[in-house]
PDB file of N, CA and C in Angstrom:
ATOM      1  N   MET A   1      22.128 -33.149  -4.761  1.00  0.00           N
ATOM      2  CA  MET A   1      21.169 -31.955  -4.838  1.00  0.00           C
ATOM      3  C   MET A   1      21.841 -30.995  -5.822  1.00  0.00           C
ATOM      4  N   GLN A   2      20.898 -29.771  -5.890  1.00  0.00           N
ATOM      5  CA  GLN A   2      21.615 -28.426  -6.643  1.00  0.00           C
ATOM      6  C   GLN A   2      21.639 -27.340  -5.750  1.00  0.00           C
ATOM      7  N   SER A   3      22.875 -26.409  -5.507  1.00  0.00           N
ATOM      8  CA  SER A   3      22.777 -25.637  -4.841  1.00  0.00           C
ATOM      9  C   SER A   3      22.181 -25.178  -5.432  1.00  0.00           C
ATOM     10  N   ALA A   4      21.957 -23.405  -3.810  1.00  0.00           N
ATOM     11  CA  ALA A   4      19.902 -22.393  -4.388  1.00  0.00           C
ATOM     12  C   ALA A   4      20.425 -21.984  -5.753  1.00  0.00           C
ATOM     13  N   GLU A   5      21.353 -21.597  -6.530  1.00  0.00           N
ATOM     14  CA  GLU A   5      22.096 -20.323  -7.675  1.00  0.00           C
ATOM     15  C   GLU A   5      21.557 -21.560  -8.327  1.00  0.00           C
ATOM     16  N   SER A   6      21.469 -22.460  -8.500  1.00  0.00           N
ATOM     17  CA  SER A   6      21.743 -23.143  -9.608  1.00  0.00           C
ATOM     18  C   SER A   6      19.872 -23.703 -10.143  1.00  0.00           C
ATOM     19  N   ARG A   7      19.357 -23.657  -8.942  1.00  0.00           N
ATOM     20  CA  ARG A   7      17.483 -23.932  -8.672  1.00  0.00           C
ATOM     21  C   ARG A   7      17.118 -23.232  -9.195  1.00  0.00           C
ATOM     22  N   PRO A   8      15.168 -22.870 -10.149  1.00  0.00           N
ATOM     23  CA  PRO A   8      14.866 -21.329 -10.114  1.00  0.00           C
ATOM     24  C   PRO A   8      14.648 -20.195  -8.850  1.00  0.00           C
ATOM     25  N   GLY A   9      14.097 -19.525 -10.015  1.00  0.00           N
ATOM     26  CA  GLY A   9      13.415 -18.630  -9.107  1.00  0.00           C
ATOM     27  C   GLY A   9      12.388 -18.022  -8.651  1.00  0.00           C
ATOM     28  N   VAL A  10      11.068 -17.787  -7.399  1.00  0.00           N
ATOM     29  CA  VAL A  10       9.810 -17.183  -7.910  1.00  0.00           C
ATOM     30  C   VAL A  10      10.275 -15.172  -7.499  1.00  0.00           C
ATOM     31  N   ARG A  11       9.629 -15.045  -8.210  1.00  0.00           N
ATOM     32  CA  ARG A  11       9.121 -13.285  -7.536  1.00  0.00           C
ATOM     33  C   ARG A  11       7.911 -13.166  -7.996  1.00  0.00           C
ATOM     34  N   ILE A  12       7.333 -12.266  -6.716  1.00  0.00           N
ATOM     35  CA  ILE A  12       6.304 -11.574  -5.997  1.00  0.00           C
ATOM     36  C   ILE A  12       6.477  -9.634  -6.673  1.00  0.00           C
ATOM     37  N   VAL A  13       5.471  -9.694  -7.469  1.00  0.00           N
ATOM     38  CA  VAL A  13       5.463  -8.010  -7.913  1.00  0.00           C
ATOM     39  C   VAL A  13       4.481  -7.658  -6.569  1.00  0.00           C
ATOM     40  N   TYR A  14       4.898  -6.677  -5.778  1.00  0.00           N
ATOM     41  CA  TYR A  14       3.897  -5.835  -5.536  1.00  0.00           C
ATOM     42  C   TYR A  14       3.594  -4.440  -5.072  1.00  0.00           C
ATOM     43  N   CYS A  15       1.660  -4.658  -5.594  1.00  0.00           N
ATOM     44  CA  CYS A  15       2.309  -2.984  -4.899  1.00  0.00           C
ATOM     45  C   CYS A  15       2.171  -2.197  -3.738  1.00  0.00           C
ATOM     46  N   THR A  16       3.058  -1.345  -3.542  1.00  0.00           N
ATOM     47  CA  THR A  16       3.486  -0.880  -2.345  1.00  0.00           C
ATOM     48  C   THR A  16       2.210   0.292  -2.013  1.00  0.00           C
ATOM     49  N   GLN A  17       1.673   0.564  -3.070  1.00  0.00           N
ATOM     50  CA  GLN A  17       1.091   2.245  -2.599  1.00  0.00           C
ATOM     51  C   GLN A  17      -0.657   1.258  -1.991  1.00  0.00           C
ATOM     52  N   CYS A  18      -1.000   0.496  -2.570  1.00  0.00           N
ATOM     53  CA  CYS A  18      -2.112  -0.621  -2.155  1.00  0.00           C
ATOM     54  C   CYS A  18      -2.051  -1.983  -0.081  1.00  0.00           C
ATOM     55  N   ARG A  19      -0.494  -1.408  -0.243  1.00  0.00           N
ATOM     56  CA  ARG A  19      -0.251  -1.972   1.084  1.00  0.00           C
ATOM     57  C   ARG A  19      -0.343  -3.540   0.489  1.00  0.00           C
ATOM     58  N   PHE A  20       0.307  -4.421  -0.411  1.00  0.00           N
ATOM     59  CA  PHE A  20       0.252  -5.540  -0.701  1.00  0.00           C
ATOM     60  C   PHE A  20       1.704  -6.131   0.122  1.00  0.00           C
ATOM     61  N   ILE A  21       1.891  -5.899   0.499  1.00  0.00           N
ATOM     62  CA  ILE A  21       3.183  -6.699   1.234  1.00  0.00           C
ATOM     63  C   ILE A  21       3.132  -7.790   2.049  1.00  0.00           C
ATOM     64  N   LEU A  22       1.726  -7.451   2.837  1.00  0.00           N
ATOM     65  CA  LEU A  22       1.734  -8.490   4.040  1.00  0.00           C
ATOM     66  C   LEU A  22       0.999  -9.744   3.271  1.00  0.00           C
ATOM     67  N   ARG A  23       0.457 -10.000   1.483  1.00  0.00           N
ATOM     68  CA  ARG A  23      -0.104 -11.024   1.035  1.00  0.00           C
ATOM     69  C   ARG A  23       1.323 -11.200   0.752  1.00  0.00           C
ATOM     70  N   ALA A  24       1.862 -10.744  -0.408  1.00  0.00           N
ATOM     71  CA  ALA A  24       3.231 -11.484  -0.743  1.00  0.00           C
ATOM     72  C   ALA A  24       3.783 -12.024   0.037  1.00  0.00           C
ATOM     73  N   ALA A  25       4.215 -11.779   0.907  1.00  0.00           N
ATOM     74  CA  ALA A  25       5.179 -11.951   2.008  1.00  0.00           C
ATOM     75  C   ALA A  25       4.442 -13.489   3.048  1.00  0.00           C
ATOM     76  N   TRP A  26       2.831 -13.428   2.335  1.00  0.00           N
ATOM     77  CA  TRP A  26       2.578 -15.060   3.665  1.00  0.00           C
ATOM     78  C   TRP A  26       2.720 -15.599   2.789  1.00  0.00           C
ATOM     79  N   LEU A  27       2.942 -15.915   0.589  1.00  0.00           N
ATOM     80  CA  LEU A  27       3.086 -16.066   0.388  1.00  0.00           C
ATOM     81  C   LEU A  27       4.739 -16.883  -0.263  1.00  0.00           C
ATOM     82  N   ALA A  28       5.012 -15.774   0.089  1.00  0.00           N
ATOM     83  CA  ALA A  28       6.884 -16.072  -0.118  1.00  0.00           C
ATOM     84  C   ALA A  28       7.108 -17.327   1.111  1.00  0.00           C
ATOM     85  N   GLN A  29       6.131 -17.156   2.143  1.00  0.00           N
ATOM     86  CA  GLN A  29       6.639 -17.624   2.986  1.00  0.00           C
ATOM     87  C   GLN A  29       5.492 -19.337   2.873  1.00  0.00           C
ATOM     88  N   GLU A  30       4.379 -19.860   2.677  1.00  0.00           N
ATOM     89  CA  GLU A  30       4.315 -20.959   1.673  1.00  0.00           C
ATOM     90  C   GLU A  30       5.354 -21.012   0.869  1.00  0.00           C
ATOM     91  N   LEU A  31       5.247 -20.316  -0.098  1.00  0.00           N
ATOM     92  CA  LEU A  31       6.485 -21.251  -1.227  1.00  0.00           C
ATOM     93  C   LEU A  31       7.774 -21.490  -0.768  1.00  0.00           C
ATOM     94  N   LEU A  32       8.469 -20.938   0.005  1.00  0.00           N
ATOM     95  CA  LEU A  32       9.268 -21.378   0.526  1.00  0.00           C
ATOM     96  C   LEU A  32       9.301 -22.778   1.664  1.00  0.00           C
ATOM     97  N   MET A  33       8.022 -22.323   1.988  1.00  0.00           N
ATOM     98  CA  MET A  33       7.899 -24.281   3.335  1.00  0.00           C
ATOM     99  C   MET A  33       7.771 -25.572   2.620  1.00  0.00           C
ATOM    100  N   THR A  34       7.120 -24.512   1.628  1.00  0.00           N
ATOM    101  CA  THR A  34       6.407 -26.072   0.540  1.00  0.00           C
ATOM    102  C   THR A  34       8.131 -26.588  -0.584  1.00  0.00           C
ATOM    103  N   PHE A  35       8.039 -25.942  -0.863  1.00  0.00           N
ATOM    104  CA  PHE A  35       9.916 -26.145  -2.405  1.00  0.00           C
ATOM    105  C   PHE A  35      10.682 -25.758  -1.400  1.00  0.00           C
ATOM    106  N   ALA A  36      11.122 -26.107  -0.619  1.00  0.00           N
ATOM    107  CA  ALA A  36      12.443 -26.218   0.486  1.00  0.00           C
ATOM    108  C   ALA A  36      13.647 -25.757  -0.245  1.00  0.00           C
ATOM    109  N   GLU A  37      13.343 -27.198  -0.640  1.00  0.00           N
ATOM    110  CA  GLU A  37      14.328 -28.081  -1.398  1.00  0.00           C
ATOM    111  C   GLU A  37      14.546 -27.391  -3.149  1.00  0.00           C
ATOM    112  N   GLU A  38      13.008 -27.296  -3.683  1.00  0.00           N
ATOM    113  CA  GLU A  38      13.335 -26.759  -5.010  1.00  0.00           C
ATOM    114  C   GLU A  38      13.168 -25.902  -5.751  1.00  0.00           C
ATOM    115  N   LEU A  39      13.287 -24.465  -4.711  1.00  0.00           N
ATOM    116  CA  LEU A  39      13.709 -23.665  -5.240  1.00  0.00           C
ATOM    117  C   LEU A  39      14.774 -22.761  -4.552  1.00  0.00           C
ATOM    118  N   GLY A  40      15.294 -22.314  -5.569  1.00  0.00           N
ATOM    119  CA  GLY A  40      16.987 -20.747  -5.316  1.00  0.00           C
ATOM    120  C   GLY A  40      16.235 -19.575  -4.080  1.00  0.00           C
ATOM    121  N   GLU A  41      15.677 -18.937  -5.142  1.00  0.00           N
ATOM    122  CA  GLU A  41      15.278 -18.484  -3.748  1.00  0.00           C
ATOM    123  C   GLU A  41      13.630 -17.823  -4.106  1.00  0.00           C
ATOM    124  N   VAL A  42      12.884 -16.751  -3.335  1.00  0.00           N
ATOM    125  CA  VAL A  42      11.516 -16.395  -3.102  1.00  0.00           C
ATOM    126  C   VAL A  42      12.009 -15.206  -3.480  1.00  0.00           C
ATOM    127  N   ALA A  43      11.376 -13.551  -3.754  1.00  0.00           N
ATOM    128  CA  ALA A  43      12.438 -12.512  -3.484  1.00  0.00           C
ATOM    129  C   ALA A  43      10.197 -11.540  -4.069  1.00  0.00           C
ATOM    130  N   LEU A  44      10.744 -10.544  -3.080  1.00  0.00           N
ATOM    131  CA  LEU A  44       9.329  -9.871  -3.236  1.00  0.00           C
ATOM    132  C   LEU A  44      10.306  -8.444  -3.782  1.00  0.00           C
ATOM    133  N   VAL A  45       9.069  -8.099  -4.891  1.00  0.00           N
ATOM    134  CA  VAL A  45       9.998  -7.035  -5.431  1.00  0.00           C
ATOM    135  C   VAL A  45       8.236  -5.042  -5.494  1.00  0.00           C
ATOM    136  N   PRO A  46       8.805  -4.561  -5.135  1.00  0.00           N
ATOM    137  CA  PRO A  46       7.731  -3.693  -4.571  1.00  0.00           C
ATOM    138  C   PRO A  46       7.492  -2.899  -5.897  1.00  0.00           C
ATOM    139  N   GLY A  47       6.049  -2.695  -6.392  1.00  0.00           N
ATOM    140  CA  GLY A  47       5.974  -2.094  -7.087  1.00  0.00           C
ATOM    141  C   GLY A  47       5.072  -1.193  -7.486  1.00  0.00           C
ATOM    142  N   ARG A  48       4.161  -0.216  -8.206  1.00  0.00           N
ATOM    143  CA  ARG A  48       2.614   0.105  -8.185  1.00  0.00           C
ATOM    144  C   ARG A  48       1.837  -0.015  -9.214  1.00  0.00           C
ATOM    145  N   ASP A  49       1.078   1.442  -8.632  1.00  0.00           N
ATOM    146  CA  ASP A  49      -0.189   1.106  -9.156  1.00  0.00           C
ATOM    147  C   ASP A  49      -1.315  -0.811  -9.198  1.00  0.00           C
ATOM    148  N   GLY A  50      -1.065  -0.762  -8.062  1.00  0.00           N
ATOM    149  CA  GLY A  50      -2.017  -2.171  -7.757  1.00  0.00           C
ATOM    150  C   GLY A  50      -1.632  -3.255  -8.406  1.00  0.00           C
ATOM    151  N   ILE A  51      -0.496  -3.770  -8.751  1.00  0.00           N
ATOM    152  CA  ILE A  51       0.671  -5.421  -9.707  1.00  0.00           C
ATOM    153  C   ILE A  51       0.441  -5.601  -8.533  1.00  0.00           C
ATOM    154  N   PHE A  52      -0.249  -7.105  -8.658  1.00  0.00           N
ATOM    155  CA  PHE A  52       0.273  -8.387  -7.911  1.00  0.00           C
ATOM    156  C   PHE A  52       0.626  -9.764  -9.024  1.00  0.00           C
ATOM    157  N   GLU A  53       1.714  -9.979  -9.392  1.00  0.00           N
ATOM    158  CA  GLU A  53       2.307 -10.543  -9.847  1.00  0.00           C
ATOM    159  C   GLU A  53       3.394 -11.476  -9.023  1.00  0.00           C
ATOM    160  N   VAL A  54       2.424 -13.090  -9.665  1.00  0.00           N
ATOM    161  CA  VAL A  54       3.899 -13.831  -9.801  1.00  0.00           C
ATOM    162  C   VAL A  54       4.512 -14.617 -10.653  1.00  0.00           C
ATOM    163  N   ARG A  55       6.117 -14.603 -10.675  1.00  0.00           N
ATOM    164  CA  ARG A  55       7.339 -15.744 -11.414  1.00  0.00           C
ATOM    165  C   ARG A  55       7.897 -15.980 -10.704  1.00  0.00           C
ATOM    166  N   LEU A  56       7.463 -17.427 -11.682  1.00  0.00           N
ATOM    167  CA  LEU A  56       8.565 -18.808 -11.615  1.00  0.00           C
ATOM    168  C   LEU A  56       9.807 -18.331 -13.017  1.00  0.00           C
ATOM    169  N   ASN A  57      10.845 -17.569 -13.047  1.00  0.00           N
ATOM    170  CA  ASN A  57      11.688 -16.236 -14.194  1.00  0.00           C
ATOM    171  C   ASN A  57      11.487 -16.033 -14.662  1.00  0.00           C
ATOM    172  N   ASP A  58      11.088 -15.941 -15.925  1.00  0.00           N
ATOM    173  CA  ASP A  58      11.093 -14.801 -16.382  1.00  0.00           C
ATOM    174  C   ASP A  58       8.576 -15.086 -17.056  1.00  0.00           C
ATOM    175  N   GLU A  59       8.154 -16.567 -16.244  1.00  0.00           N
ATOM    176  CA  GLU A  59       6.987 -16.829 -16.994  1.00  0.00           C
ATOM    177  C   GLU A  59       6.013 -16.637 -15.569  1.00  0.00           C
ATOM    178  N   LEU A  60       5.432 -15.717 -16.474  1.00  0.00           N
ATOM    179  CA  LEU A  60       4.118 -15.013 -15.467  1.00  0.00           C
ATOM    180  C   LEU A  60       4.041 -16.749 -15.107  1.00  0.00           C
ATOM    181  N   LEU A  61       3.754 -16.671 -14.008  1.00  0.00           N
ATOM    182  CA  LEU A  61       2.238 -17.388 -12.926  1.00  0.00           C
ATOM    183  C   LEU A  61       1.441 -17.080 -12.885  1.00  0.00           C
ATOM    184  N   PHE A  62       0.673 -16.005 -13.178  1.00  0.00           N
ATOM    185  CA  PHE A  62      -0.035 -15.502 -11.786  1.00  0.00           C
ATOM    186  C   PHE A  62      -0.835 -13.905 -12.012  1.00  0.00           C
ATOM    187  N   SER A  63      -1.028 -13.637 -12.562  1.00  0.00           N
ATOM    188  CA  SER A  63      -1.157 -11.826 -13.003  1.00  0.00           C
ATOM    189  C   SER A  63      -2.875 -11.912 -12.028  1.00  0.00           C
ATOM    190  N   ARG A  64      -3.016 -10.558 -10.648  1.00  0.00           N
ATOM    191  CA  ARG A  64      -3.791 -10.488 -10.811  1.00  0.00           C
ATOM    192  C   ARG A  64      -4.526  -9.413 -11.623  1.00  0.00           C
ATOM    193  N   LYS A  65      -4.115  -8.366 -12.495  1.00  0.00           N
ATOM    194  CA  LYS A  65      -4.679  -7.336 -13.386  1.00  0.00           C
ATOM    195  C   LYS A  65      -5.327  -9.001 -14.387  1.00  0.00           C
ATOM    196  N   ASN A  66      -4.585 -10.039 -14.956  1.00  0.00           N
ATOM    197  CA  ASN A  66      -5.252 -10.875 -15.989  1.00  0.00           C
ATOM    198  C   ASN A  66      -6.554 -11.888 -15.247  1.00  0.00           C
ATOM    199  N   SER A  67      -6.579 -11.973 -13.747  1.00  0.00           N
ATOM    200  CA  SER A  67      -7.703 -12.486 -13.169  1.00  0.00           C
ATOM    201  C   SER A  67      -8.669 -12.223 -12.485  1.00  0.00           C
ATOM    202  N   GLY A  68      -8.105 -10.536 -12.499  1.00  0.00           N
ATOM    203  CA  GLY A  68      -9.194 -10.194 -11.359  1.00  0.00           C
ATOM    204  C   GLY A  68      -9.203  -9.860 -10.032  1.00  0.00           C
ATOM    205  N   ARG A  69      -8.668 -11.608  -9.536  1.00  0.00           N
ATOM    206  CA  ARG A  69      -8.588 -11.758  -7.836  1.00  0.00           C
ATOM    207  C   ARG A  69      -7.188 -12.248  -7.382  1.00  0.00           C
ATOM    208  N   PHE A  70      -6.327 -12.837  -6.237  1.00  0.00           N
ATOM    209  CA  PHE A  70      -5.831 -12.607  -5.663  1.00  0.00           C
ATOM    210  C   PHE A  70      -5.879 -14.389  -5.996  1.00  0.00           C
ATOM    211  N   PRO A  71      -3.728 -14.350  -6.015  1.00  0.00           N
ATOM    212  CA  PRO A  71      -3.986 -16.024  -5.965  1.00  0.00           C
ATOM    213  C   PRO A  71      -4.277 -16.787  -4.851  1.00  0.00           C
ATOM    214  N   GLU A  72      -5.149 -18.278  -4.935  1.00  0.00           N
ATOM    215  CA  GLU A  72      -5.034 -18.756  -3.238  1.00  0.00           C
ATOM    216  C   GLU A  72      -4.049 -19.483  -3.320  1.00  0.00           C
ATOM    217  N   SER A  73      -3.186 -19.810  -1.975  1.00  0.00           N
ATOM    218  CA  SER A  73      -2.394 -20.455  -1.499  1.00  0.00           C
ATOM    219  C   SER A  73      -1.446 -21.889  -3.207  1.00  0.00           C
ATOM    220  N   SER A  74      -3.042 -22.603  -2.191  1.00  0.00           N
ATOM    221  CA  SER A  74      -3.072 -24.151  -2.766  1.00  0.00           C
ATOM    222  C   SER A  74      -3.409 -24.171  -4.736  1.00  0.00           C
ATOM    223  N   GLU A  75      -3.266 -22.877  -4.978  1.00  0.00           N
ATOM    224  CA  GLU A  75      -3.256 -22.606  -6.703  1.00  0.00           C
ATOM    225  C   GLU A  75      -2.132 -23.082  -6.899  1.00  0.00           C
ATOM    226  N   LEU A  76      -1.189 -21.821  -6.360  1.00  0.00           N
ATOM    227  CA  LEU A  76      -0.044 -20.680  -7.189  1.00  0.00           C
ATOM    228  C   LEU A  76       1.037 -22.954  -6.780  1.00  0.00           C
ATOM    229  N   LYS A  77       0.176 -22.972  -5.684  1.00  0.00           N
ATOM    230  CA  LYS A  77       1.608 -24.608  -5.101  1.00  0.00           C
ATOM    231  C   LYS A  77       1.629 -25.353  -6.692  1.00  0.00           C
ATOM    232  N   GLN A  78       0.124 -25.271  -6.512  1.00  0.00           N
ATOM    233  CA  GLN A  78      -0.366 -25.923  -7.621  1.00  0.00           C
ATOM    234  C   GLN A  78       0.866 -25.683  -9.386  1.00  0.00           C
ATOM    235  N   LEU A  79      -0.332 -24.366  -9.609  1.00  0.00           N
ATOM    236  CA  LEU A  79       0.836 -24.363 -10.837  1.00  0.00           C
ATOM    237  C   LEU A  79       2.354 -24.022 -10.856  1.00  0.00           C
ATOM    238  N   LEU A  80       3.364 -24.486  -9.008  1.00  0.00           N
ATOM    239  CA  LEU A  80       4.632 -24.119  -9.622  1.00  0.00           C
ATOM    240  C   LEU A  80       4.960 -25.360  -9.220  1.00  0.00           C
ATOM    241  N   ARG A  81       4.185 -26.359  -8.698  1.00  0.00           N
ATOM    242  CA  ARG A  81       5.054 -27.568  -8.373  1.00  0.00           C
ATOM    243  C   ARG A  81       5.073 -28.407  -9.698  1.00  0.00           C
ATOM    244  N   ASP A  82       3.634 -28.437 -11.280  1.00  0.00           N
ATOM    245  CA  ASP A  82       3.702 -28.249 -11.746  1.00  0.00           C
ATOM    246  C   ASP A  82       4.772 -27.729 -12.628  1.00  0.00           C
ATOM    247  N   ARG A  83       5.700 -27.436 -12.987  1.00  0.00           N
ATOM    248  CA  ARG A  83       6.478 -26.355 -13.645  1.00  0.00           C
ATOM    249  C   ARG A  83       8.173 -27.030 -12.583  1.00  0.00           C
ATOM    250  N   ILE A  84       7.796 -27.486 -11.784  1.00  0.00           N
ATOM    251  CA  ILE A  84       9.395 -27.807 -10.800  1.00  0.00           C
ATOM    252  C   ILE A  84       9.497 -28.973 -10.548  1.00  0.00           C
ATOM    253  N   ALA A  85       8.551 -29.088  -9.596  1.00  0.00           N
ATOM    254  CA  ALA A  85       8.686 -30.896  -9.725  1.00  0.00           C
ATOM    255  C   ALA A  85       7.262 -31.571  -9.551  1.00  0.00           C
ATOM    256  N   PRO A  86       7.202 -32.218 -10.055  1.00  0.00           N
ATOM    257  CA  PRO A  86       5.868 -32.945 -11.145  1.00  0.00           C
ATOM    258  C   PRO A  86       5.593 -33.817 -10.321  1.00  0.00           C
ATOM    259  N   GLY A  87       6.331 -34.425  -9.727  1.00  0.00           N
ATOM    260  CA  GLY A  87       6.036 -35.495  -8.861  1.00  0.00           C
ATOM    261  C   GLY A  87       5.581 -35.127  -6.987  1.00  0.00           C
ATOM    262  N   LYS A  88       6.202 -33.999  -6.843  1.00  0.00           N
ATOM    263  CA  LYS A  88       5.645 -33.239  -5.222  1.00  0.00           C
ATOM    264  C   LYS A  88       4.406 -34.045  -5.026  1.00  0.00           C
ATOM    265  N   ASP A  89       3.807 -34.693  -3.931  1.00  0.00           N
ATOM    266  CA  ASP A  89       3.222 -34.369  -3.498  1.00  0.00           C
ATOM    267  C   ASP A  89       3.138 -33.231  -2.511  1.00  0.00           C
ATOM    268  N   LEU A  90       1.368 -32.394  -2.962  1.00  0.00           N
ATOM    269  CA  LEU A  90       1.722 -30.937  -2.513  1.00  0.00           C
ATOM    270  C   LEU A  90       0.263 -30.978  -0.738  1.00  0.00           C
ATOM    271  N   GLY A  91      -0.530 -32.934  -0.733  1.00  0.00           N
ATOM    272  CA  GLY A  91      -0.855 -33.305   0.335  1.00  0.00           C
ATOM    273  C   GLY A  91      -2.159 -31.975   1.020  1.00  0.00           C
ATOM    274  N   HIS A  92      -2.959 -31.561   1.443  1.00  0.00           N
ATOM    275  CA  HIS A  92      -3.752 -30.680   1.802  1.00  0.00           C
ATOM    276  C   HIS A  92      -4.249 -30.128   0.717  1.00  0.00           C
ATOM    277  N   SER A  93      -2.635 -29.197   0.027  1.00  0.00           N
ATOM    278  CA  SER A  93      -2.807 -28.399  -0.536  1.00  0.00           C
ATOM    279  C   SER A  93      -3.620 -29.070  -2.455  1.00  0.00           C
ATOM    280  N   GLU A  94      -3.277 -30.016  -2.611  1.00  0.00           N
ATOM    281  CA  GLU A  94      -3.717 -30.575  -3.534  1.00  0.00           C
ATOM    282  C   GLU A  94      -5.314 -31.296  -4.064  1.00  0.00           C
ATOM    283  N   LYS A  95      -6.036 -30.505  -5.023  1.00  0.00           N
ATOM    284  CA  LYS A  95      -6.893 -30.197  -5.047  1.00  0.00           C
ATOM    285  C   LYS A  95      -7.965 -31.835  -5.595  1.00  0.00           C
ATOM    286  N   LYS A  96      -8.831 -32.309  -5.038  1.00  0.00           N
ATOM    287  CA  LYS A  96      -8.908 -33.591  -5.221  1.00  0.00           C
ATOM    288  C   LYS A  96     -10.200 -33.642  -6.407  1.00  0.00           C
TER     289      LYS A  96
END
């Protein structure tokens, strides 16, 4: 097993003005529960001006600004899985 320092990290940047922290924390929990062995960290990063972005290292996985909506948990899990654990079964989160 890789050490936490050598595994990829996710950053969820959320708007403090809009109080998006609960959604960010919930998504962080979902990702940590699903990818406990694959991720080194999930960080919550305070931002402003309506931001809600999810990044894998430096790669933008999801942007509320670009999509006009928040990510679904299953959608985010699939995007992450495809990059860090392609063979991982997501169970009920998997789109059929």
